Amino acid sequence: MTSWQLVRLVAGTFILLSLALGIPGSPIFVSQWFLAFTAFVGANLLQSAVTKWCLMETIMRKLGAQPGA
């Protein structure tokens, strides 16, 4: 997988997990504060679209992921 694919995989996983932990109707509900993490991930995705720079992608590349086209 390329670095941009890994970023989207991690972001999607974080969003779904934080929603499952933050929505009261979920069987694995912990606290509504997990919804703040969902907002954080969304804000980072928005920031990376505007600035064309993503910290997670930089980290993935340093860990050996190939840059995407």
PDB file of N, CA and C in Angstrom:
ATOM      1  N   MET A   1       0.844  -1.181   0.000  1.00  0.00           N
ATOM      2  CA  MET A   1       0.000   0.000   0.000  1.00  0.00           C
ATOM      3  C   MET A   1       0.891   1.247   0.000  1.00  0.00           C
ATOM      4  N   THR A   2       0.399   2.274  -0.645  1.00  0.00           N
ATOM      5  CA  THR A   2       1.142   3.530  -0.659  1.00  0.00           C
ATOM      6  C   THR A   2       0.803   4.345   0.588  1.00  0.00           C
ATOM      7  N   SER A   3       1.604   5.385   0.826  1.00  0.00           N
ATOM      8  CA  SER A   3       1.422   6.179   2.041  1.00  0.00           C
ATOM      9  C   SER A   3       0.041   6.838   2.099  1.00  0.00           C
ATOM     10  N   TRP A   4      -0.462   7.337   0.968  1.00  0.00           N
ATOM     11  CA  TRP A   4      -1.776   7.993   1.000  1.00  0.00           C
ATOM     12  C   TRP A   4      -2.890   6.979   1.246  1.00  0.00           C
ATOM     13  N   GLN A   5      -2.723   5.749   0.787  1.00  0.00           N
ATOM     14  CA  GLN A   5      -3.720   4.720   1.058  1.00  0.00           C
ATOM     15  C   GLN A   5      -3.706   4.344   2.538  1.00  0.00           C
ATOM     16  N   LEU A   6      -2.517   4.266   3.125  1.00  0.00           N
ATOM     17  CA  LEU A   6      -2.406   3.955   4.548  1.00  0.00           C
ATOM     18  C   LEU A   6      -3.009   5.058   5.407  1.00  0.00           C
ATOM     19  N   VAL A   7      -2.820   6.319   5.009  1.00  0.00           N
ATOM     20  CA  VAL A   7      -3.400   7.439   5.751  1.00  0.00           C
ATOM     21  C   VAL A   7      -4.920   7.312   5.766  1.00  0.00           C
ATOM     22  N   ARG A   8      -5.508   7.018   4.637  1.00  0.00           N
ATOM     23  CA  ARG A   8      -6.964   6.886   4.560  1.00  0.00           C
ATOM     24  C   ARG A   8      -7.456   5.666   5.347  1.00  0.00           C
ATOM     25  N   LEU A   9      -6.679   4.601   5.324  1.00  0.00           N
ATOM     26  CA  LEU A   9      -7.021   3.407   6.097  1.00  0.00           C
ATOM     27  C   LEU A   9      -7.008   3.713   7.597  1.00  0.00           C
ATOM     28  N   VAL A  10      -5.966   4.376   8.065  1.00  0.00           N
ATOM     29  CA  VAL A  10      -5.856   4.722   9.482  1.00  0.00           C
ATOM     30  C   VAL A  10      -6.956   5.710   9.874  1.00  0.00           C
ATOM     31  N   ALA A  11      -7.181   6.742   9.052  1.00  0.00           N
ATOM     32  CA  ALA A  11      -8.208   7.740   9.362  1.00  0.00           C
ATOM     33  C   ALA A  11      -9.591   7.094   9.427  1.00  0.00           C
ATOM     34  N   GLY A  12      -9.916   6.258   8.469  1.00  0.00           N
ATOM     35  CA  GLY A  12     -11.212   5.581   8.470  1.00  0.00           C
ATOM     36  C   GLY A  12     -11.394   4.678   9.674  1.00  0.00           C
ATOM     37  N   THR A  13     -10.336   3.965  10.033  1.00  0.00           N
ATOM     38  CA  THR A  13     -10.387   3.093  11.206  1.00  0.00           C
ATOM     39  C   THR A  13     -10.591   3.900  12.479  1.00  0.00           C
ATOM     40  N   PHE A  14      -9.836   5.006  12.621  1.00  0.00           N
ATOM     41  CA  PHE A  14      -9.986   5.860  13.802  1.00  0.00           C
ATOM     42  C   PHE A  14     -11.386   6.446  13.891  1.00  0.00           C
ATOM     43  N   ILE A  15     -11.924   6.889  12.776  1.00  0.00           N
ATOM     44  CA  ILE A  15     -13.263   7.491  12.786  1.00  0.00           C
ATOM     45  C   ILE A  15     -14.319   6.465  13.186  1.00  0.00           C
ATOM     46  N   LEU A  16     -14.288   5.304  12.574  1.00  0.00           N
ATOM     47  CA  LEU A  16     -15.284   4.276  12.906  1.00  0.00           C
ATOM     48  C   LEU A  16     -15.154   3.804  14.352  1.00  0.00           C
ATOM     49  N   LEU A  17     -13.924   3.621  14.817  1.00  0.00           N
ATOM     50  CA  LEU A  17     -13.718   3.182  16.195  1.00  0.00           C
ATOM     51  C   LEU A  17     -14.169   4.245  17.193  1.00  0.00           C
ATOM     52  N   SER A  18     -13.818   5.511  16.941  1.00  0.00           N
ATOM     53  CA  SER A  18     -14.217   6.561  17.876  1.00  0.00           C
ATOM     54  C   SER A  18     -15.723   6.782  17.862  1.00  0.00           C
ATOM     55  N   LEU A  19     -16.373   6.581  16.717  1.00  0.00           N
ATOM     56  CA  LEU A  19     -17.837   6.658  16.686  1.00  0.00           C
ATOM     57  C   LEU A  19     -18.453   5.522  17.494  1.00  0.00           C
ATOM     58  N   ALA A  20     -17.903   4.318  17.335  1.00  0.00           N
ATOM     59  CA  ALA A  20     -18.428   3.176  18.086  1.00  0.00           C
ATOM     60  C   ALA A  20     -18.246   3.373  19.589  1.00  0.00           C
ATOM     61  N   LEU A  21     -17.162   4.018  19.983  1.00  0.00           N
ATOM     62  CA  LEU A  21     -16.909   4.243  21.409  1.00  0.00           C
ATOM     63  C   LEU A  21     -17.642   5.463  21.954  1.00  0.00           C
ATOM     64  N   GLY A  22     -18.108   6.361  21.058  1.00  0.00           N
ATOM     65  CA  GLY A  22     -18.689   7.617  21.506  1.00  0.00           C
ATOM     66  C   GLY A  22     -20.187   7.765  21.363  1.00  0.00           C
ATOM     67  N   ILE A  23     -20.836   6.875  20.620  1.00  0.00           N
ATOM     68  CA  ILE A  23     -22.285   6.978  20.438  1.00  0.00           C
ATOM     69  C   ILE A  23     -22.978   6.119  21.496  1.00  0.00           C
ATOM     70  N   PRO A  24     -23.871   6.727  22.289  1.00  0.00           N
ATOM     71  CA  PRO A  24     -24.499   6.004  23.402  1.00  0.00           C
ATOM     72  C   PRO A  24     -25.213   4.705  23.010  1.00  0.00           C
ATOM     73  N   GLY A  25     -25.735   4.586  21.814  1.00  0.00           N
ATOM     74  CA  GLY A  25     -26.439   3.368  21.423  1.00  0.00           C
ATOM     75  C   GLY A  25     -25.523   2.216  21.046  1.00  0.00           C
ATOM     76  N   SER A  26     -24.224   2.457  20.975  1.00  0.00           N
ATOM     77  CA  SER A  26     -23.267   1.437  20.567  1.00  0.00           C
ATOM     78  C   SER A  26     -23.056   0.410  21.680  1.00  0.00           C
ATOM     79  N   PRO A  27     -22.885  -0.866  21.306  1.00  0.00           N
ATOM     80  CA  PRO A  27     -22.641  -1.886  22.332  1.00  0.00           C
ATOM     81  C   PRO A  27     -21.287  -1.728  23.029  1.00  0.00           C
ATOM     82  N   ILE A  28     -20.359  -0.970  22.431  1.00  0.00           N
ATOM     83  CA  ILE A  28     -19.056  -0.768  23.079  1.00  0.00           C
ATOM     84  C   ILE A  28     -18.871   0.686  23.525  1.00  0.00           C
ATOM     85  N   PHE A  29     -19.985   1.369  23.787  1.00  0.00           N
ATOM     86  CA  PHE A  29     -19.951   2.773  24.226  1.00  0.00           C
ATOM     87  C   PHE A  29     -19.112   2.929  25.493  1.00  0.00           C
ATOM     88  N   VAL A  30     -18.254   3.958  25.481  1.00  0.00           N
ATOM     89  CA  VAL A  30     -17.444   4.276  26.650  1.00  0.00           C
ATOM     90  C   VAL A  30     -17.773   5.674  27.146  1.00  0.00           C
ATOM     91  N   SER A  31     -17.628   6.663  26.266  1.00  0.00           N
ATOM     92  CA  SER A  31     -17.865   8.055  26.642  1.00  0.00           C
ATOM     93  C   SER A  31     -18.126   8.875  25.385  1.00  0.00           C
ATOM     94  N   GLN A  32     -18.974   9.896  25.516  1.00  0.00           N
ATOM     95  CA  GLN A  32     -19.233  10.768  24.369  1.00  0.00           C
ATOM     96  C   GLN A  32     -18.014  11.600  24.003  1.00  0.00           C
ATOM     97  N   TRP A  33     -17.024  11.653  24.869  1.00  0.00           N
ATOM     98  CA  TRP A  33     -15.800  12.399  24.570  1.00  0.00           C
ATOM     99  C   TRP A  33     -15.019  11.782  23.417  1.00  0.00           C
ATOM    100  N   PHE A  34     -15.286  10.531  23.073  1.00  0.00           N
ATOM    101  CA  PHE A  34     -14.623   9.932  21.917  1.00  0.00           C
ATOM    102  C   PHE A  34     -15.049  10.608  20.617  1.00  0.00           C
ATOM    103  N   LEU A  35     -16.183  11.293  20.638  1.00  0.00           N
ATOM    104  CA  LEU A  35     -16.619  12.028  19.454  1.00  0.00           C
ATOM    105  C   LEU A  35     -15.689  13.208  19.170  1.00  0.00           C
ATOM    106  N   ALA A  36     -15.009  13.706  20.180  1.00  0.00           N
ATOM    107  CA  ALA A  36     -14.018  14.765  19.976  1.00  0.00           C
ATOM    108  C   ALA A  36     -12.859  14.234  19.133  1.00  0.00           C
ATOM    109  N   PHE A  37     -12.512  12.968  19.312  1.00  0.00           N
ATOM    110  CA  PHE A  37     -11.454  12.365  18.497  1.00  0.00           C
ATOM    111  C   PHE A  37     -11.903  12.256  17.039  1.00  0.00           C
ATOM    112  N   THR A  38     -13.171  11.949  16.822  1.00  0.00           N
ATOM    113  CA  THR A  38     -13.717  11.919  15.466  1.00  0.00           C
ATOM    114  C   THR A  38     -13.568  13.296  14.821  1.00  0.00           C
ATOM    115  N   ALA A  39     -13.900  14.346  15.555  1.00  0.00           N
ATOM    116  CA  ALA A  39     -13.762  15.713  15.041  1.00  0.00           C
ATOM    117  C   ALA A  39     -12.301  16.048  14.765  1.00  0.00           C
ATOM    118  N   PHE A  40     -11.393  15.594  15.619  1.00  0.00           N
ATOM    119  CA  PHE A  40      -9.961  15.838  15.428  1.00  0.00           C
ATOM    120  C   PHE A  40      -9.464  15.208  14.133  1.00  0.00           C
ATOM    121  N   VAL A  41      -9.844  13.969  13.882  1.00  0.00           N
ATOM    122  CA  VAL A  41      -9.431  13.290  12.653  1.00  0.00           C
ATOM    123  C   VAL A  41     -10.018  13.998  11.432  1.00  0.00           C
ATOM    124  N   GLY A  42     -11.287  14.378  11.507  1.00  0.00           N
ATOM    125  CA  GLY A  42     -11.914  15.108  10.399  1.00  0.00           C
ATOM    126  C   GLY A  42     -11.236  16.432  10.138  1.00  0.00           C
ATOM    127  N   ALA A  43     -10.875  17.152  11.197  1.00  0.00           N
ATOM    128  CA  ALA A  43     -10.178  18.437  11.034  1.00  0.00           C
ATOM    129  C   ALA A  43      -8.806  18.236  10.394  1.00  0.00           C
ATOM    130  N   ASN A  44      -8.119  17.171  10.754  1.00  0.00           N
ATOM    131  CA  ASN A  44      -6.825  16.892  10.147  1.00  0.00           C
ATOM    132  C   ASN A  44      -6.959  16.528   8.676  1.00  0.00           C
ATOM    133  N   LEU A  45      -8.013  15.796   8.314  1.00  0.00           N
ATOM    134  CA  LEU A  45      -8.245  15.487   6.907  1.00  0.00           C
ATOM    135  C   LEU A  45      -8.532  16.761   6.115  1.00  0.00           C
ATOM    136  N   LEU A  46      -9.320  17.649   6.689  1.00  0.00           N
ATOM    137  CA  LEU A  46      -9.613  18.929   6.050  1.00  0.00           C
ATOM    138  C   LEU A  46      -8.339  19.764   5.897  1.00  0.00           C
ATOM    139  N   GLN A  47      -7.542  19.837   6.938  1.00  0.00           N
ATOM    140  CA  GLN A  47      -6.285  20.584   6.896  1.00  0.00           C
ATOM    141  C   GLN A  47      -5.352  20.039   5.827  1.00  0.00           C
ATOM    142  N   SER A  48      -5.253  18.724   5.724  1.00  0.00           N
ATOM    143  CA  SER A  48      -4.347  18.141   4.725  1.00  0.00           C
ATOM    144  C   SER A  48      -4.839  18.392   3.308  1.00  0.00           C
ATOM    145  N   ALA A  49      -6.139  18.486   3.111  1.00  0.00           N
ATOM    146  CA  ALA A  49      -6.673  18.792   1.779  1.00  0.00           C
ATOM    147  C   ALA A  49      -6.368  20.230   1.381  1.00  0.00           C
ATOM    148  N   VAL A  50      -6.419  21.134   2.350  1.00  0.00           N
ATOM    149  CA  VAL A  50      -6.191  22.550   2.068  1.00  0.00           C
ATOM    150  C   VAL A  50      -4.700  22.862   1.895  1.00  0.00           C
ATOM    151  N   THR A  51      -3.862  22.305   2.772  1.00  0.00           N
ATOM    152  CA  THR A  51      -2.432  22.631   2.748  1.00  0.00           C
ATOM    153  C   THR A  51      -1.604  21.678   1.893  1.00  0.00           C
ATOM    154  N   LYS A  52      -2.184  20.544   1.498  1.00  0.00           N
ATOM    155  CA  LYS A  52      -1.481  19.504   0.743  1.00  0.00           C
ATOM    156  C   LYS A  52      -0.303  18.921   1.524  1.00  0.00           C
ATOM    157  N   TRP A  53      -0.409  18.917   2.857  1.00  0.00           N
ATOM    158  CA  TRP A  53       0.588  18.315   3.730  1.00  0.00           C
ATOM    159  C   TRP A  53      -0.133  17.558   4.842  1.00  0.00           C
ATOM    160  N   CYS A  54       0.329  16.343   5.116  1.00  0.00           N
ATOM    161  CA  CYS A  54      -0.307  15.508   6.138  1.00  0.00           C
ATOM    162  C   CYS A  54       0.785  14.886   7.006  1.00  0.00           C
ATOM    163  N   LEU A  55       0.722  15.148   8.307  1.00  0.00           N
ATOM    164  CA  LEU A  55       1.713  14.609   9.233  1.00  0.00           C
ATOM    165  C   LEU A  55       1.714  13.080   9.215  1.00  0.00           C
ATOM    166  N   MET A  56       0.530  12.472   9.181  1.00  0.00           N
ATOM    167  CA  MET A  56       0.454  11.008   9.178  1.00  0.00           C
ATOM    168  C   MET A  56       1.140  10.426   7.944  1.00  0.00           C
ATOM    169  N   GLU A  57       0.996  11.081   6.802  1.00  0.00           N
ATOM    170  CA  GLU A  57       1.654  10.589   5.593  1.00  0.00           C
ATOM    171  C   GLU A  57       3.166  10.706   5.714  1.00  0.00           C
ATOM    172  N   THR A  58       3.638  11.778   6.323  1.00  0.00           N
ATOM    173  CA  THR A  58       5.071  11.941   6.562  1.00  0.00           C
ATOM    174  C   THR A  58       5.586  10.825   7.462  1.00  0.00           C
ATOM    175  N   ILE A  59       4.819  10.512   8.501  1.00  0.00           N
ATOM    176  CA  ILE A  59       5.201   9.435   9.422  1.00  0.00           C
ATOM    177  C   ILE A  59       5.217   8.099   8.685  1.00  0.00           C
ATOM    178  N   MET A  60       4.205   7.843   7.869  1.00  0.00           N
ATOM    179  CA  MET A  60       4.133   6.586   7.116  1.00  0.00           C
ATOM    180  C   MET A  60       5.342   6.437   6.185  1.00  0.00           C
ATOM    181  N   ARG A  61       5.734   7.511   5.542  1.00  0.00           N
ATOM    182  CA  ARG A  61       6.890   7.462   4.638  1.00  0.00           C
ATOM    183  C   ARG A  61       8.163   7.173   5.412  1.00  0.00           C
ATOM    184  N   LYS A  62       8.307   7.763   6.594  1.00  0.00           N
ATOM    185  CA  LYS A  62       9.500   7.508   7.409  1.00  0.00           C
ATOM    186  C   LYS A  62       9.521   6.063   7.909  1.00  0.00           C
ATOM    187  N   LEU A  63       8.345   5.450   8.021  1.00  0.00           N
ATOM    188  CA  LEU A  63       8.263   4.051   8.439  1.00  0.00           C
ATOM    189  C   LEU A  63       8.460   3.093   7.262  1.00  0.00           C
ATOM    190  N   GLY A  64       8.627   3.658   6.059  1.00  0.00           N
ATOM    191  CA  GLY A  64       8.958   2.813   4.909  1.00  0.00           C
ATOM    192  C   GLY A  64       7.870   2.674   3.861  1.00  0.00           C
ATOM    193  N   ALA A  65       6.736   3.319   4.024  1.00  0.00           N
ATOM    194  CA  ALA A  65       5.681   3.228   3.018  1.00  0.00           C
ATOM    195  C   ALA A  65       6.098   3.975   1.753  1.00  0.00           C
ATOM    196  N   GLN A  66       5.729   3.439   0.629  1.00  0.00           N
ATOM    197  CA  GLN A  66       6.060   4.064  -0.653  1.00  0.00           C
ATOM    198  C   GLN A  66       5.134   5.240  -0.914  1.00  0.00           C
ATOM    199  N   PRO A  67       5.676   6.343  -1.450  1.00  0.00           N
ATOM    200  CA  PRO A  67       4.799   7.458  -1.801  1.00  0.00           C
ATOM    201  C   PRO A  67       3.847   7.065  -2.925  1.00  0.00           C
ATOM    202  N   GLY A  68       2.653   7.611  -2.902  1.00  0.00           N
ATOM    203  CA  GLY A  68       1.663   7.303  -3.930  1.00  0.00           C
ATOM    204  C   GLY A  68       1.740   8.252  -5.099  1.00  0.00           C
ATOM    205  N   ALA A  69       1.066   7.866  -6.154  1.00  0.00           N
ATOM    206  CA  ALA A  69       1.061   8.711  -7.358  1.00  0.00           C
ATOM    207  C   ALA A  69      -0.102   9.655  -7.324  1.00  0.00           C
TER     208      ALA A  69
END
